[in-house]
N, C-alpha and C. Protein backbone atom coordinates (compact mmCIF):
# COMPACT_ATOMS: atom_id res chain seq x y z
N MET A 1 96.34 36.03 164.19
CA MET A 1 95.87 37.13 163.28
C MET A 1 94.42 37.85 163.63
N VAL A 2 93.71 36.80 163.92
CA VAL A 2 92.34 37.24 164.38
C VAL A 2 92.48 38.25 165.72
N LEU A 3 93.26 37.82 166.54
CA LEU A 3 93.58 38.48 167.89
C LEU A 3 94.16 39.83 167.60
N PHE A 4 95.12 39.76 166.61
CA PHE A 4 95.90 41.25 166.32
C PHE A 4 94.83 42.14 165.73
N HIS A 5 93.94 41.54 164.87
CA HIS A 5 92.85 42.58 164.21
C HIS A 5 91.86 42.99 165.19
N ALA A 6 91.59 41.95 166.24
CA ALA A 6 90.60 42.61 167.10
C ALA A 6 91.26 43.47 168.01
N SER A 7 92.42 43.39 168.45
CA SER A 7 93.25 44.55 169.10
C SER A 7 93.24 45.93 168.37
N TYR A 8 93.53 45.70 167.10
CA TYR A 8 93.63 46.89 166.17
C TYR A 8 92.27 47.74 165.94
N ASP A 9 91.05 46.73 165.91
CA ASP A 9 89.92 47.52 165.76
C ASP A 9 89.46 47.99 167.19
N LEU A 10 89.71 47.38 168.13
CA LEU A 10 89.42 48.07 169.38
C LEU A 10 90.11 49.26 169.74
N ALA A 11 91.32 49.26 169.46
CA ALA A 11 92.16 50.57 169.57
C ALA A 11 91.72 51.62 168.64
N TYR A 12 91.88 51.45 167.34
CA TYR A 12 91.69 52.29 166.40
C TYR A 12 90.23 52.76 165.77
N LEU A 13 89.39 51.88 165.92
CA LEU A 13 88.18 51.99 165.40
C LEU A 13 87.12 52.18 166.43
N TYR A 14 87.40 51.93 167.75
CA TYR A 14 86.31 52.00 168.90
C TYR A 14 86.99 52.74 169.83
N GLY A 15 88.12 53.16 169.83
CA GLY A 15 88.85 54.17 170.85
C GLY A 15 89.10 53.34 172.08
N ALA A 16 89.29 52.19 172.26
CA ALA A 16 89.46 51.53 173.56
C ALA A 16 91.04 51.59 173.89
N PRO A 17 91.24 51.97 175.22
CA PRO A 17 92.60 52.37 175.65
C PRO A 17 93.33 51.05 175.81
N LEU A 18 94.19 50.76 174.82
CA LEU A 18 95.05 49.69 174.83
C LEU A 18 96.57 50.11 174.44
N PRO A 19 97.23 50.99 175.47
CA PRO A 19 98.59 51.48 175.39
C PRO A 19 99.52 50.47 175.08
N TRP A 20 99.45 49.20 175.52
CA TRP A 20 100.40 48.13 175.27
C TRP A 20 100.40 47.84 173.71
N PHE A 21 99.23 48.18 173.05
CA PHE A 21 99.24 47.70 171.69
C PHE A 21 99.42 49.03 170.81
N THR A 22 99.12 50.19 171.21
CA THR A 22 99.35 51.39 170.40
C THR A 22 100.72 52.00 170.60
N MET A 23 101.42 51.75 171.81
CA MET A 23 102.48 52.19 172.12
C MET A 23 103.78 51.25 172.29
N GLY A 24 104.90 51.48 171.70
CA GLY A 24 106.11 50.56 171.89
C GLY A 24 106.04 49.66 170.70
N PRO A 25 106.84 48.68 170.76
CA PRO A 25 107.19 47.68 169.57
C PRO A 25 106.21 46.71 169.60
N VAL A 26 105.20 46.34 170.39
CA VAL A 26 104.40 45.27 170.37
C VAL A 26 103.69 44.93 169.15
N GLN A 27 103.10 46.10 168.68
CA GLN A 27 102.26 45.97 167.38
C GLN A 27 103.16 45.68 166.17
N ASP A 28 104.16 46.33 166.03
CA ASP A 28 105.06 45.96 164.92
C ASP A 28 105.72 44.58 165.03
N VAL A 29 106.05 44.19 166.15
CA VAL A 29 106.57 42.95 166.23
C VAL A 29 105.47 41.64 165.95
N TRP A 30 104.30 42.02 166.57
CA TRP A 30 103.25 40.97 166.30
C TRP A 30 102.65 40.94 164.91
N ARG A 31 102.60 42.03 164.16
CA ARG A 31 102.34 42.18 162.90
C ARG A 31 103.30 41.46 161.99
N ALA A 32 104.63 41.63 162.20
CA ALA A 32 105.56 40.94 161.41
C ALA A 32 105.52 39.48 161.75
N SER A 33 105.35 39.00 162.88
CA SER A 33 105.28 37.60 163.17
C SER A 33 104.05 36.86 162.46
N ILE A 34 103.13 37.71 162.05
CA ILE A 34 102.03 37.15 161.39
C ILE A 34 102.35 37.09 159.88
N SER A 35 102.54 38.26 159.42
CA SER A 35 102.60 38.38 157.86
C SER A 35 103.73 37.71 157.35
N TRP A 36 105.12 37.79 158.01
CA TRP A 36 106.25 37.10 157.45
C TRP A 36 105.91 35.65 157.43
N VAL A 37 105.34 35.04 158.44
CA VAL A 37 105.05 33.63 158.43
C VAL A 37 103.93 33.34 157.35
N PHE A 38 103.05 34.10 157.10
CA PHE A 38 102.06 33.92 156.12
C PHE A 38 102.69 33.89 154.82
N LEU A 39 103.67 34.81 154.33
CA LEU A 39 104.12 34.85 153.16
C LEU A 39 105.27 33.42 152.94
N PHE A 40 105.98 33.33 154.20
CA PHE A 40 106.83 32.09 153.97
C PHE A 40 106.10 30.85 153.75
N LEU A 41 105.04 30.57 154.46
CA LEU A 41 104.26 29.47 154.37
C LEU A 41 103.71 29.40 152.92
N ALA A 42 103.20 30.60 152.58
CA ALA A 42 102.49 30.54 151.13
C ALA A 42 103.53 30.08 150.03
N GLY A 43 104.73 30.68 150.28
CA GLY A 43 105.77 30.27 149.39
C GLY A 43 106.11 28.82 149.52
N TRP A 44 106.15 28.34 150.53
CA TRP A 44 106.49 26.75 150.87
C TRP A 44 105.49 26.08 150.24
N MET A 45 104.03 26.41 150.11
CA MET A 45 102.97 25.68 149.47
C MET A 45 103.09 25.65 148.05
N THR A 46 103.96 26.37 147.47
CA THR A 46 104.16 26.07 145.82
C THR A 46 104.47 24.73 145.42
N SER A 47 105.13 23.87 146.54
CA SER A 47 105.37 22.50 146.16
C SER A 47 104.43 21.59 146.01
N PHE A 48 103.29 22.00 146.81
CA PHE A 48 102.02 21.27 147.05
C PHE A 48 100.98 21.62 146.01
N THR A 49 101.06 22.72 145.22
CA THR A 49 99.95 23.24 144.41
C THR A 49 100.02 22.72 143.02
N ARG A 50 99.09 22.20 142.51
CA ARG A 50 99.06 21.46 141.18
C ARG A 50 99.03 22.74 140.30
N ASP A 51 98.42 23.87 140.37
CA ASP A 51 98.30 24.89 139.48
C ASP A 51 98.65 26.31 140.09
N ASN A 52 99.95 26.83 140.19
CA ASN A 52 100.21 27.89 140.98
C ASN A 52 99.42 29.32 140.24
N LEU A 53 99.31 28.96 139.05
CA LEU A 53 98.67 30.23 138.26
C LEU A 53 97.27 30.30 138.70
N ARG A 54 96.55 29.18 138.80
CA ARG A 54 95.15 29.31 139.41
C ARG A 54 95.29 29.87 140.90
N ARG A 55 96.14 29.60 141.61
CA ARG A 55 96.22 29.93 143.04
C ARG A 55 96.51 31.44 143.00
N ALA A 56 97.39 31.81 142.05
CA ALA A 56 97.49 33.36 142.10
C ALA A 56 96.32 34.12 141.66
N ALA A 57 95.36 33.58 140.85
CA ALA A 57 94.18 34.08 140.40
C ALA A 57 93.24 34.22 141.62
N VAL A 58 93.23 33.09 142.43
CA VAL A 58 92.34 33.07 143.61
C VAL A 58 92.77 34.30 144.52
N TYR A 59 93.99 34.20 144.86
CA TYR A 59 94.56 35.30 145.69
C TYR A 59 94.20 36.76 145.15
N GLY A 60 94.37 36.79 143.85
CA GLY A 60 94.08 38.09 143.17
C GLY A 60 92.63 38.48 143.34
N ALA A 61 91.79 37.51 143.10
CA ALA A 61 90.37 37.89 143.15
C ALA A 61 90.01 38.29 144.72
N ALA A 62 90.53 37.44 145.48
CA ALA A 62 90.33 37.85 147.13
C ALA A 62 91.01 39.31 147.42
N ALA A 63 92.03 39.51 146.86
CA ALA A 63 92.68 40.86 147.17
C ALA A 63 91.70 42.16 146.46
N ALA A 64 91.14 41.83 145.26
CA ALA A 64 90.34 42.87 144.77
C ALA A 64 89.07 42.97 145.43
N GLY A 65 88.57 41.88 145.91
CA GLY A 65 87.32 41.91 146.76
C GLY A 65 87.62 42.76 148.18
N ILE A 66 88.74 42.51 148.63
CA ILE A 66 89.05 43.24 149.90
C ILE A 66 89.17 44.72 149.64
N TRP A 67 89.88 45.05 148.55
CA TRP A 67 89.83 46.47 148.09
C TRP A 67 88.50 47.15 147.83
N LEU A 68 87.79 46.45 147.26
CA LEU A 68 86.25 47.12 146.94
C LEU A 68 85.64 47.16 148.25
N ALA A 69 85.66 46.08 149.10
CA ALA A 69 85.06 46.04 150.47
C ALA A 69 85.32 47.32 151.23
N THR A 70 86.79 47.31 151.50
CA THR A 70 87.18 48.36 152.46
C THR A 70 86.86 49.84 151.85
N THR A 71 87.00 49.83 150.46
CA THR A 71 86.49 51.10 149.94
C THR A 71 85.00 51.60 150.14
N TRP A 72 84.39 50.70 149.96
CA TRP A 72 83.02 50.75 150.11
C TRP A 72 82.35 51.20 151.67
N ALA A 73 83.13 50.24 152.56
CA ALA A 73 82.70 50.47 153.93
C ALA A 73 83.37 51.69 154.50
N ALA A 74 84.51 52.05 154.22
CA ALA A 74 85.15 53.24 154.54
C ALA A 74 85.23 53.38 156.04
N VAL A 75 85.35 52.35 156.85
CA VAL A 75 85.42 52.38 158.33
C VAL A 75 86.91 52.55 158.64
N ASP A 76 87.85 52.41 157.72
CA ASP A 76 89.31 52.65 158.03
C ASP A 76 89.93 52.91 156.68
N THR A 77 91.28 53.16 156.51
CA THR A 77 91.83 53.51 155.13
C THR A 77 91.74 52.22 154.29
N PRO A 78 91.20 52.36 153.09
CA PRO A 78 91.18 51.12 152.24
C PRO A 78 92.33 50.39 152.05
N VAL A 79 92.30 49.20 151.68
CA VAL A 79 93.48 48.33 151.62
C VAL A 79 93.97 48.30 150.02
N SER A 80 94.97 48.85 149.74
CA SER A 80 95.42 48.78 148.52
C SER A 80 96.82 47.91 148.51
N PHE A 81 96.98 47.00 147.70
CA PHE A 81 98.11 46.13 147.50
C PHE A 81 98.60 45.66 149.04
N GLY A 82 97.68 44.95 149.76
CA GLY A 82 97.84 44.29 150.93
C GLY A 82 98.33 42.93 150.71
N ILE A 83 98.49 42.08 151.74
CA ILE A 83 99.13 41.04 151.78
C ILE A 83 98.54 39.90 150.85
N LEU A 84 97.34 39.91 150.66
CA LEU A 84 96.70 39.03 149.58
C LEU A 84 97.28 39.53 148.13
N PHE A 85 97.34 40.72 147.95
CA PHE A 85 97.91 41.03 146.65
C PHE A 85 99.35 40.60 146.49
N CYS A 86 100.18 40.62 147.58
CA CYS A 86 101.57 40.35 147.55
C CYS A 86 101.50 38.90 147.45
N MET A 87 100.75 38.08 147.84
CA MET A 87 100.68 36.49 147.71
C MET A 87 100.20 36.16 146.08
N ALA A 88 99.42 36.87 145.84
CA ALA A 88 98.97 36.66 144.41
C ALA A 88 100.18 37.08 143.46
N ALA A 89 100.70 38.19 143.62
CA ALA A 89 101.79 38.64 142.67
C ALA A 89 103.00 37.76 142.77
N SER A 90 103.37 37.22 144.05
CA SER A 90 104.46 36.54 144.27
C SER A 90 104.27 34.98 143.65
N THR A 91 102.88 34.54 143.89
CA THR A 91 102.53 33.23 143.20
C THR A 91 102.83 33.27 141.64
N PHE A 92 102.38 34.39 141.27
CA PHE A 92 102.46 34.58 139.73
C PHE A 92 103.94 34.69 139.23
N ILE A 93 104.60 35.46 140.02
CA ILE A 93 106.10 35.44 139.70
C ILE A 93 106.62 34.18 139.61
N PHE A 94 106.38 33.39 140.76
CA PHE A 94 107.02 32.00 140.91
C PHE A 94 106.43 31.16 139.70
N ALA A 95 105.25 31.12 139.28
CA ALA A 95 104.74 30.26 138.35
C ALA A 95 105.41 30.68 137.08
N MET A 96 105.62 31.97 136.80
CA MET A 96 106.35 32.43 135.30
C MET A 96 107.80 32.09 135.47
N LEU A 97 108.37 32.05 136.53
CA LEU A 97 109.86 31.80 136.57
C LEU A 97 110.26 30.40 137.11
N LYS A 98 109.38 29.46 137.38
CA LYS A 98 109.53 28.27 137.97
C LYS A 98 110.66 27.47 137.33
N ARG A 99 110.81 27.49 136.05
CA ARG A 99 112.00 26.76 135.54
C ARG A 99 113.29 27.40 135.83
N VAL A 100 113.39 28.69 135.82
CA VAL A 100 114.47 29.36 136.19
C VAL A 100 114.97 29.22 137.82
N PHE A 101 113.76 29.25 138.57
CA PHE A 101 114.14 29.07 139.98
C PHE A 101 114.63 27.60 140.22
N ALA A 102 114.13 26.46 139.42
CA ALA A 102 114.61 25.18 139.61
C ALA A 102 116.11 24.90 139.37
N ARG A 103 116.60 25.77 138.60
CA ARG A 103 118.14 25.63 138.41
C ARG A 103 119.07 26.20 139.43
N LEU A 104 118.43 27.10 140.39
CA LEU A 104 119.25 27.68 141.55
C LEU A 104 119.29 26.58 142.51
N PRO A 105 120.47 26.60 143.14
CA PRO A 105 120.63 25.70 144.38
C PRO A 105 119.80 26.24 145.47
N ALA A 106 118.92 25.39 146.14
CA ALA A 106 117.83 25.80 147.09
C ALA A 106 118.31 26.60 148.17
N LEU A 107 119.28 25.84 149.04
CA LEU A 107 119.57 26.47 150.32
C LEU A 107 120.45 27.88 150.19
N PRO A 108 121.33 28.01 149.22
CA PRO A 108 121.86 29.31 149.07
C PRO A 108 120.76 30.29 148.55
N ALA A 109 119.80 29.81 147.66
CA ALA A 109 118.70 30.85 147.15
C ALA A 109 117.90 31.18 148.51
N VAL A 110 117.61 30.36 149.54
CA VAL A 110 117.01 30.91 150.67
C VAL A 110 117.58 31.86 151.24
N ALA A 111 119.00 31.77 151.58
CA ALA A 111 119.86 32.80 152.16
C ALA A 111 119.75 33.97 151.31
N VAL A 112 119.97 34.15 150.04
CA VAL A 112 120.01 35.35 149.27
C VAL A 112 118.76 36.00 149.37
N CYS A 113 117.46 35.25 149.42
CA CYS A 113 116.24 35.81 149.45
C CYS A 113 115.98 36.52 150.81
N LEU A 114 116.37 35.88 151.95
CA LEU A 114 116.28 36.50 153.17
C LEU A 114 117.20 37.73 153.26
N LEU A 115 118.41 37.54 152.65
CA LEU A 115 119.29 38.84 152.49
C LEU A 115 118.73 40.00 151.87
N LEU A 116 117.93 39.72 150.78
CA LEU A 116 117.46 40.78 150.06
C LEU A 116 116.27 41.48 150.81
N PHE A 117 115.63 40.51 151.39
CA PHE A 117 114.39 40.95 152.28
C PHE A 117 114.74 41.93 153.09
N GLY A 118 115.78 41.63 154.06
CA GLY A 118 116.39 42.55 154.89
C GLY A 118 116.90 43.92 154.33
N LEU A 119 117.82 43.72 153.29
CA LEU A 119 118.37 44.74 152.72
C LEU A 119 117.40 45.87 152.00
N LEU A 120 116.23 45.30 151.70
CA LEU A 120 115.21 46.15 150.79
C LEU A 120 114.04 46.60 151.85
N TRP A 121 114.26 46.21 153.03
CA TRP A 121 113.03 46.53 153.91
C TRP A 121 112.69 47.95 153.89
N GLY A 122 113.51 48.78 153.91
CA GLY A 122 113.14 50.17 153.94
C GLY A 122 112.49 50.72 152.76
N VAL A 123 112.63 50.20 151.63
CA VAL A 123 112.31 50.73 150.40
C VAL A 123 110.83 51.24 150.45
N PRO A 124 109.91 50.51 150.76
CA PRO A 124 108.33 50.98 150.68
C PRO A 124 108.12 51.95 151.78
N ARG A 125 108.92 52.33 152.67
CA ARG A 125 108.67 53.10 153.78
C ARG A 125 109.06 54.56 153.33
N GLY A 126 109.70 54.68 152.23
CA GLY A 126 109.83 56.03 151.58
C GLY A 126 108.82 56.51 150.66
N THR A 127 108.87 57.71 150.04
CA THR A 127 108.03 58.18 149.00
C THR A 127 108.84 58.56 147.81
N TYR A 128 108.31 58.26 146.64
CA TYR A 128 109.01 58.47 145.30
C TYR A 128 108.30 59.31 144.51
N ALA A 129 108.96 60.17 143.50
CA ALA A 129 108.27 61.10 142.72
C ALA A 129 107.41 60.35 141.56
N VAL A 130 107.78 59.25 141.06
CA VAL A 130 107.15 58.54 140.00
C VAL A 130 105.86 57.76 140.58
N GLY A 131 104.71 58.19 139.96
CA GLY A 131 103.54 57.61 140.56
C GLY A 131 103.20 56.18 139.91
N GLY A 132 102.28 55.57 140.48
CA GLY A 132 101.81 54.23 139.92
C GLY A 132 102.68 53.02 140.07
N LEU A 133 103.48 53.27 141.16
CA LEU A 133 104.56 51.99 141.53
C LEU A 133 104.39 51.63 142.79
N ALA A 134 103.38 52.10 143.41
CA ALA A 134 103.08 51.43 144.89
C ALA A 134 103.04 49.97 145.02
N TRP A 135 102.56 49.33 143.90
CA TRP A 135 102.47 47.75 143.82
C TRP A 135 103.73 47.38 143.93
N LEU A 136 104.89 47.99 143.46
CA LEU A 136 106.02 47.46 143.43
C LEU A 136 106.84 47.61 144.76
N GLY A 137 106.51 48.83 145.38
CA GLY A 137 107.21 49.01 146.69
C GLY A 137 107.76 50.43 146.57
N LEU A 138 107.21 51.37 145.69
CA LEU A 138 107.64 52.65 145.43
C LEU A 138 106.45 53.59 145.46
N PRO A 139 105.92 53.70 146.66
CA PRO A 139 104.78 54.72 146.90
C PRO A 139 104.92 56.20 146.59
N ALA A 140 104.10 56.90 145.99
CA ALA A 140 104.22 58.22 145.63
C ALA A 140 103.63 59.12 146.95
N PRO A 141 103.93 60.19 147.11
CA PRO A 141 103.42 61.03 148.26
C PRO A 141 101.95 60.91 148.03
N GLY A 142 101.47 60.91 149.37
CA GLY A 142 99.89 60.77 149.36
C GLY A 142 99.37 59.41 149.37
N PHE A 143 100.19 58.39 148.95
CA PHE A 143 99.66 56.89 148.90
C PHE A 143 99.40 56.51 150.28
N SER A 144 98.24 55.81 150.42
CA SER A 144 98.01 55.20 151.84
C SER A 144 97.25 53.86 151.63
N SER A 145 97.44 53.10 152.61
CA SER A 145 96.71 51.74 152.64
C SER A 145 96.61 51.17 154.02
N GLY A 146 95.61 50.51 154.27
CA GLY A 146 95.41 49.93 155.59
C GLY A 146 96.02 48.65 155.92
N ASP A 147 96.77 48.21 154.65
CA ASP A 147 97.63 47.02 154.80
C ASP A 147 98.38 46.94 153.66
N TYR A 148 99.76 47.10 153.81
CA TYR A 148 100.49 47.30 152.57
C TYR A 148 101.69 46.42 152.56
N TYR A 149 101.61 45.53 151.58
CA TYR A 149 102.74 44.60 151.25
C TYR A 149 103.02 44.47 149.85
N PRO A 150 103.82 45.37 149.36
CA PRO A 150 104.02 45.51 147.82
C PRO A 150 105.19 44.24 147.69
N ILE A 151 105.52 44.19 146.40
CA ILE A 151 106.44 43.13 145.88
C ILE A 151 107.89 43.33 146.51
N ILE A 152 108.29 44.52 146.45
CA ILE A 152 109.70 44.87 147.18
C ILE A 152 109.26 45.21 148.66
N PRO A 153 109.84 44.63 149.70
CA PRO A 153 110.72 43.43 149.74
C PRO A 153 109.96 42.08 149.81
N PHE A 154 108.62 42.14 150.06
CA PHE A 154 107.98 40.95 150.47
C PHE A 154 107.81 39.66 149.67
N THR A 155 107.96 39.97 148.27
CA THR A 155 107.98 38.68 147.45
C THR A 155 109.41 37.74 147.83
N PHE A 156 110.34 38.53 148.28
CA PHE A 156 111.53 37.67 148.65
C PHE A 156 111.37 36.78 149.86
N MET A 157 110.46 37.25 150.73
CA MET A 157 110.10 36.37 151.91
C MET A 157 109.34 35.10 151.44
N TYR A 158 108.28 35.45 150.30
CA TYR A 158 107.63 34.46 149.72
C TYR A 158 108.70 33.44 149.10
N LEU A 159 109.53 33.89 148.18
CA LEU A 159 110.41 32.94 147.52
C LEU A 159 111.37 32.23 148.41
N ALA A 160 111.57 32.87 149.55
CA ALA A 160 112.48 32.07 150.52
C ALA A 160 111.75 30.90 151.00
N GLY A 161 110.47 30.89 151.15
CA GLY A 161 109.81 29.76 151.50
C GLY A 161 109.64 28.89 150.43
N SER A 162 109.44 29.09 149.21
CA SER A 162 109.33 28.22 148.22
C SER A 162 110.71 27.54 147.98
N PHE A 163 111.88 28.24 148.07
CA PHE A 163 113.15 27.55 148.12
C PHE A 163 113.46 26.70 149.32
N ALA A 164 112.95 27.16 150.47
CA ALA A 164 113.21 26.33 151.66
C ALA A 164 112.27 24.95 151.49
N SER A 165 111.18 25.22 150.85
CA SER A 165 110.43 23.81 150.59
C SER A 165 111.15 22.81 149.63
N ARG A 166 111.70 23.40 148.62
CA ARG A 166 112.42 22.45 147.68
C ARG A 166 113.70 22.01 148.53
N ALA A 167 114.33 22.75 149.30
CA ALA A 167 115.41 22.30 150.10
C ALA A 167 115.19 21.00 150.97
N HIS A 168 113.95 21.23 151.61
CA HIS A 168 113.60 20.21 152.36
C HIS A 168 113.32 18.98 151.73
N ALA A 169 112.61 19.20 150.49
CA ALA A 169 112.34 17.95 149.62
C ALA A 169 113.51 17.27 149.23
N GLU A 170 114.53 18.03 148.73
CA GLU A 170 115.79 17.54 148.33
C GLU A 170 116.42 16.63 149.57
N ARG A 171 116.55 17.07 150.79
CA ARG A 171 117.24 16.56 151.80
C ARG A 171 116.31 15.43 152.44
N SER A 172 115.05 15.37 152.31
CA SER A 172 114.23 14.32 153.09
C SER A 172 113.42 13.26 152.08
N GLY A 173 113.62 13.63 150.77
CA GLY A 173 112.82 13.02 149.88
C GLY A 173 111.35 13.41 149.79
N GLY A 174 111.14 14.49 150.39
CA GLY A 174 109.62 14.86 150.27
C GLY A 174 108.95 14.42 151.70
N MET A 175 109.56 13.70 152.57
CA MET A 175 108.99 12.98 153.64
C MET A 175 108.75 14.21 154.96
N TYR A 176 107.61 13.93 155.41
CA TYR A 176 107.39 14.80 156.76
C TYR A 176 107.31 14.01 157.93
N PRO A 177 107.71 14.39 159.11
CA PRO A 177 107.58 13.40 160.38
C PRO A 177 106.23 13.19 160.66
N ALA A 178 106.12 12.15 161.23
CA ALA A 178 104.76 11.56 161.54
C ALA A 178 103.87 12.55 162.24
N TRP A 179 104.40 13.28 163.22
CA TRP A 179 103.85 14.21 164.22
C TRP A 179 103.16 15.23 163.41
N MET A 180 103.56 15.61 162.14
CA MET A 180 103.05 16.69 161.37
C MET A 180 101.87 16.19 160.71
N HIS A 181 101.64 14.92 160.48
CA HIS A 181 100.32 14.45 159.93
C HIS A 181 99.31 14.09 160.84
N ALA A 182 99.67 14.04 162.16
CA ALA A 182 98.75 13.79 163.17
C ALA A 182 97.81 15.03 163.45
N LYS A 183 96.47 14.83 163.68
CA LYS A 183 95.68 15.84 163.84
C LYS A 183 95.49 15.91 165.49
N HIS A 184 96.52 16.60 166.09
CA HIS A 184 96.55 16.72 167.45
C HIS A 184 95.46 17.65 167.90
N LEU A 185 95.08 18.70 167.31
CA LEU A 185 93.92 19.57 167.49
C LEU A 185 93.21 19.61 166.33
N PRO A 186 92.10 18.87 166.14
CA PRO A 186 91.21 18.92 164.98
C PRO A 186 90.76 20.39 164.57
N VAL A 187 90.47 21.16 165.55
CA VAL A 187 89.85 22.56 165.26
C VAL A 187 90.99 23.43 164.49
N LEU A 188 92.32 23.21 165.03
CA LEU A 188 93.43 23.78 164.14
C LEU A 188 93.58 23.30 162.76
N ALA A 189 93.41 21.92 162.64
CA ALA A 189 93.40 21.34 161.17
C ALA A 189 92.24 22.13 160.46
N TRP A 190 91.01 22.19 161.01
CA TRP A 190 89.94 22.82 160.28
C TRP A 190 90.27 24.17 159.97
N ILE A 191 90.73 24.97 160.70
CA ILE A 191 91.23 26.29 160.50
C ILE A 191 92.34 26.35 159.38
N GLY A 192 93.17 25.45 159.36
CA GLY A 192 94.14 25.42 158.26
C GLY A 192 93.65 25.02 156.82
N ARG A 193 92.50 24.25 156.91
CA ARG A 193 91.94 23.92 155.52
C ARG A 193 90.90 24.96 155.06
N HIS A 194 90.60 26.07 155.93
CA HIS A 194 89.75 27.06 155.62
C HIS A 194 90.14 28.50 156.01
N SER A 195 91.73 28.55 155.80
CA SER A 195 92.33 29.76 156.15
C SER A 195 91.93 31.02 155.20
N LEU A 196 91.80 30.85 154.00
CA LEU A 196 91.45 32.08 153.26
C LEU A 196 90.02 32.58 153.51
N ILE A 197 89.03 31.73 153.69
CA ILE A 197 87.76 32.02 154.14
C ILE A 197 87.65 32.82 155.36
N ILE A 198 88.65 32.18 156.38
CA ILE A 198 88.51 32.77 157.64
C ILE A 198 89.12 34.18 157.61
N TYR A 199 90.26 34.53 156.73
CA TYR A 199 90.91 35.59 156.43
C TYR A 199 90.04 36.68 155.87
N LEU A 200 88.91 36.32 154.99
CA LEU A 200 88.20 37.25 154.48
C LEU A 200 87.03 37.61 155.24
N ALA A 201 86.69 36.71 156.15
CA ALA A 201 85.33 36.87 156.95
C ALA A 201 85.65 37.49 158.22
N HIS A 202 86.79 37.36 158.77
CA HIS A 202 86.96 37.73 160.26
C HIS A 202 86.84 39.07 160.50
N GLN A 203 87.38 40.05 159.62
CA GLN A 203 87.17 41.48 160.05
C GLN A 203 85.65 41.73 160.10
N PRO A 204 84.97 41.69 159.05
CA PRO A 204 83.57 41.93 159.26
C PRO A 204 82.69 41.26 160.28
N LEU A 205 83.22 40.14 160.61
CA LEU A 205 82.43 39.40 161.98
C LEU A 205 83.06 40.18 163.40
N LEU A 206 84.28 40.65 163.31
CA LEU A 206 84.71 41.29 164.51
C LEU A 206 84.03 42.65 164.67
N ILE A 207 83.88 43.28 163.55
CA ILE A 207 83.20 44.60 163.63
C ILE A 207 81.78 44.49 163.94
N ALA A 208 81.21 43.53 163.49
CA ALA A 208 79.76 43.25 164.01
C ALA A 208 79.64 42.76 165.24
N LEU A 209 80.56 41.99 165.79
CA LEU A 209 80.52 41.69 167.14
C LEU A 209 80.83 42.82 168.18
N PHE A 210 81.73 43.63 167.80
CA PHE A 210 82.05 44.72 168.72
C PHE A 210 81.01 45.84 168.58
N SER A 211 80.27 45.87 167.49
CA SER A 211 79.11 46.75 167.29
C SER A 211 77.93 46.40 168.39
N VAL A 212 77.72 45.23 168.61
CA VAL A 212 76.71 44.92 169.55
C VAL A 212 77.05 44.58 171.03
N LEU A 213 78.24 44.38 171.27
CA LEU A 213 78.69 43.96 172.63
C LEU A 213 79.11 45.32 173.43
N PRO A 214 78.58 45.39 174.83
CA PRO A 214 78.94 46.45 175.59
C PRO A 214 80.59 46.19 175.88
N PRO A 215 81.23 47.24 176.25
CA PRO A 215 80.81 48.63 176.41
C PRO A 215 80.96 49.51 174.94
N PHE A 216 80.94 48.60 173.91
CA PHE A 216 81.26 49.34 172.65
C PHE A 216 79.86 49.53 172.06
N GLY A 217 79.29 48.55 171.50
CA GLY A 217 77.89 48.61 170.96
C GLY A 217 77.46 49.80 170.21
N VAL A 218 78.48 50.27 169.48
CA VAL A 218 78.22 51.51 168.40
C VAL A 218 78.86 51.07 167.22
N SER A 219 78.61 51.80 166.17
CA SER A 219 79.42 51.78 164.90
C SER A 219 80.92 52.24 165.16
N PRO A 220 81.68 51.71 164.25
CA PRO A 220 83.17 52.37 164.47
C PRO A 220 83.44 53.80 164.59
N LEU A 221 84.38 54.38 164.97
CA LEU A 221 84.52 55.78 165.02
C LEU A 221 84.71 56.37 163.66
């Protein structure tokens, strides 16, 4: 994620020639490999969270902070309904419907969620006459966001993760292999424990870094 955003900043904010990133499928595939995994793992973590409503509130507060910061800084398109918004909304939906979801068979539910994710993938790529529904996945003409992950279809990837976590628990009794508990690389374990802070801090730090390092050493375009 940090490397992706570093490449994005260099290409679009500082005008660095990165044709491998700006042309062809690399950027879209790389972005999807990050965000889809984020959402799936966030859904998986519903099984480990004592209070999903509280977790939704933390995500929501972080999303609001990013919207305020990107609107104020104005170095790129402000982020409205980005991935942290999606994680907040998805966690809230899970918390509200947890008892309903618990009645559904886990593995078939994973398949259905992934199928719906694929079928509804193109919905937020269009524009719709009704305003005020960009958060749902129905953006009106003129809507823009520097990071856009509405409920449709991305909540289905989150829910796929939550059902997959329960399917694993049902099949293994909630046990994970020993290698998953071992700290092979302590720095990665540290990153995992502080992922939200890193997410919030990395973009300002990247911009500050690029603003002082040659050959950039200037404010964003």
